[in-house]
Amino acid sequence: MVRKIIWSANAKDEIIEILKFWIKRNKSTAYSKKLNMLFREAINLISKNSTIGYITIKENVRVKIVKQFLIIYEITNDSIHLHSIFDNRRNPKELIKRL
């Protein structure tokens, strides 16, 4: 069953910041476009197979790994709620706040 994806404001802001960071760092949009494509492919996969991500300590919350990023999402009856796109090189205490 394909489930509807619902983006949190936090996840939207995070993906924009991630892509902007890589554009500024590389002085090119090439890597950001590739990274955005990987995020979109992973989210599409999640919508089709919601249990593909790793189980977390919270019920119905899972994590899908894309390169060094974690897509944190929650499964409901008819949708997927994207809570965060977290760079796993950041402080792990920040990750706990997002779960």
Protein backbone atom coordinates (compact mmCIF):
# COMPACT_ATOMS: atom_id res chain seq x y z
CA MET A 1 0.00 0.00 0.00
CA VAL A 2 1.37 3.42 -0.97
CA ARG A 3 1.01 5.85 1.90
CA LYS A 4 0.78 9.62 1.71
CA ILE A 5 3.92 11.49 2.81
CA ILE A 6 3.39 14.38 5.21
CA TRP A 7 6.42 16.63 5.76
CA SER A 8 6.87 18.39 9.09
CA ALA A 9 7.97 22.03 8.98
CA ASN A 10 11.18 20.90 10.66
CA ALA A 11 11.97 18.32 7.95
CA LYS A 12 11.27 20.87 5.20
CA ASP A 13 13.62 23.39 6.82
CA GLU A 14 16.32 20.77 7.36
CA ILE A 15 16.38 19.55 3.77
CA ILE A 16 16.61 23.14 2.50
CA GLU A 17 19.48 23.89 4.89
CA ILE A 18 21.32 20.70 3.91
CA LEU A 19 21.05 21.47 0.21
CA LYS A 20 22.04 25.12 0.70
CA PHE A 21 25.07 24.05 2.74
CA TRP A 22 26.36 21.80 -0.03
CA ILE A 23 25.76 24.41 -2.72
CA LYS A 24 27.75 26.95 -0.71
CA ARG A 25 30.49 24.49 0.21
CA ASN A 26 30.99 23.09 -3.30
CA LYS A 27 30.14 26.31 -5.17
CA SER A 28 28.01 24.13 -7.41
CA THR A 29 24.52 22.65 -7.41
CA ALA A 30 25.61 19.26 -8.78
CA TYR A 31 26.04 17.45 -5.44
CA SER A 32 22.92 19.05 -3.94
CA LYS A 33 20.85 17.87 -6.90
CA LYS A 34 22.24 14.35 -6.52
CA LEU A 35 21.59 14.38 -2.76
CA ASN A 36 18.05 15.70 -3.26
CA MET A 37 17.41 12.90 -5.76
CA LEU A 38 18.64 10.32 -3.21
CA PHE A 39 16.33 11.80 -0.55
CA ARG A 40 13.36 11.72 -2.94
CA GLU A 41 14.07 8.12 -3.98
CA ALA A 42 14.33 7.02 -0.34
CA ILE A 43 11.10 8.81 0.59
CA ASN A 44 9.33 7.26 -2.40
CA LEU A 45 10.57 3.85 -1.26
CA ILE A 46 9.34 4.56 2.28
CA SER A 47 5.89 5.49 0.95
CA LYS A 48 5.65 2.12 -0.80
CA ASN A 49 7.24 0.02 1.94
CA SER A 50 7.00 1.86 5.25
CA THR A 51 8.74 -0.81 7.32
CA ILE A 52 11.97 -0.57 5.31
CA GLY A 53 13.64 1.71 7.88
CA TYR A 54 15.35 0.66 11.08
CA ILE A 55 13.21 0.36 14.20
CA THR A 56 13.76 3.00 16.89
CA ILE A 57 12.98 3.16 20.59
CA LYS A 58 9.64 4.83 19.85
CA GLU A 59 6.73 2.82 18.55
CA ASN A 60 5.99 3.35 14.84
CA VAL A 61 9.04 5.62 14.38
CA ARG A 62 11.69 4.40 11.98
CA VAL A 63 14.92 5.63 10.42
CA LYS A 64 16.05 5.30 6.81
CA ILE A 65 19.74 5.95 6.12
CA VAL A 66 20.76 7.97 3.06
CA LYS A 67 24.52 8.53 2.93
CA GLN A 68 25.35 10.28 6.24
CA PHE A 69 21.76 11.40 6.80
CA LEU A 70 18.91 9.83 8.73
CA ILE A 71 15.35 10.24 7.53
CA ILE A 72 13.23 9.96 10.66
CA TYR A 73 9.60 9.10 10.02
CA GLU A 74 6.50 7.83 11.77
CA ILE A 75 4.06 5.33 10.34
CA THR A 76 0.33 5.89 10.79
CA ASN A 77 -2.60 3.94 9.35
CA ASP A 78 -2.76 5.85 6.08
CA SER A 79 0.32 8.10 5.97
CA ILE A 80 3.99 8.61 6.72
CA HIS A 81 5.01 11.64 8.77
CA LEU A 82 8.56 12.83 8.03
CA HIS A 83 9.85 14.32 11.27
CA SER A 84 13.47 15.08 10.46
CA ILE A 85 16.36 14.70 8.07
CA PHE A 86 19.31 14.52 10.41
CA ASP A 87 23.01 14.68 9.55
CA ASN A 88 24.41 11.86 11.69
CA ARG A 89 27.73 13.69 12.10
CA ARG A 90 25.98 16.12 14.44
CA ASN A 91 25.71 15.78 18.20
CA PRO A 92 23.85 12.51 18.96
CA LYS A 93 21.92 14.27 21.74
CA GLU A 94 20.21 16.28 19.03
CA LEU A 95 19.05 13.04 17.41
CA ILE A 96 17.37 11.87 20.62
CA LYS A 97 15.30 15.08 20.62
CA ARG A 98 13.99 14.23 17.15
CA LEU A 99 12.85 10.70 17.99
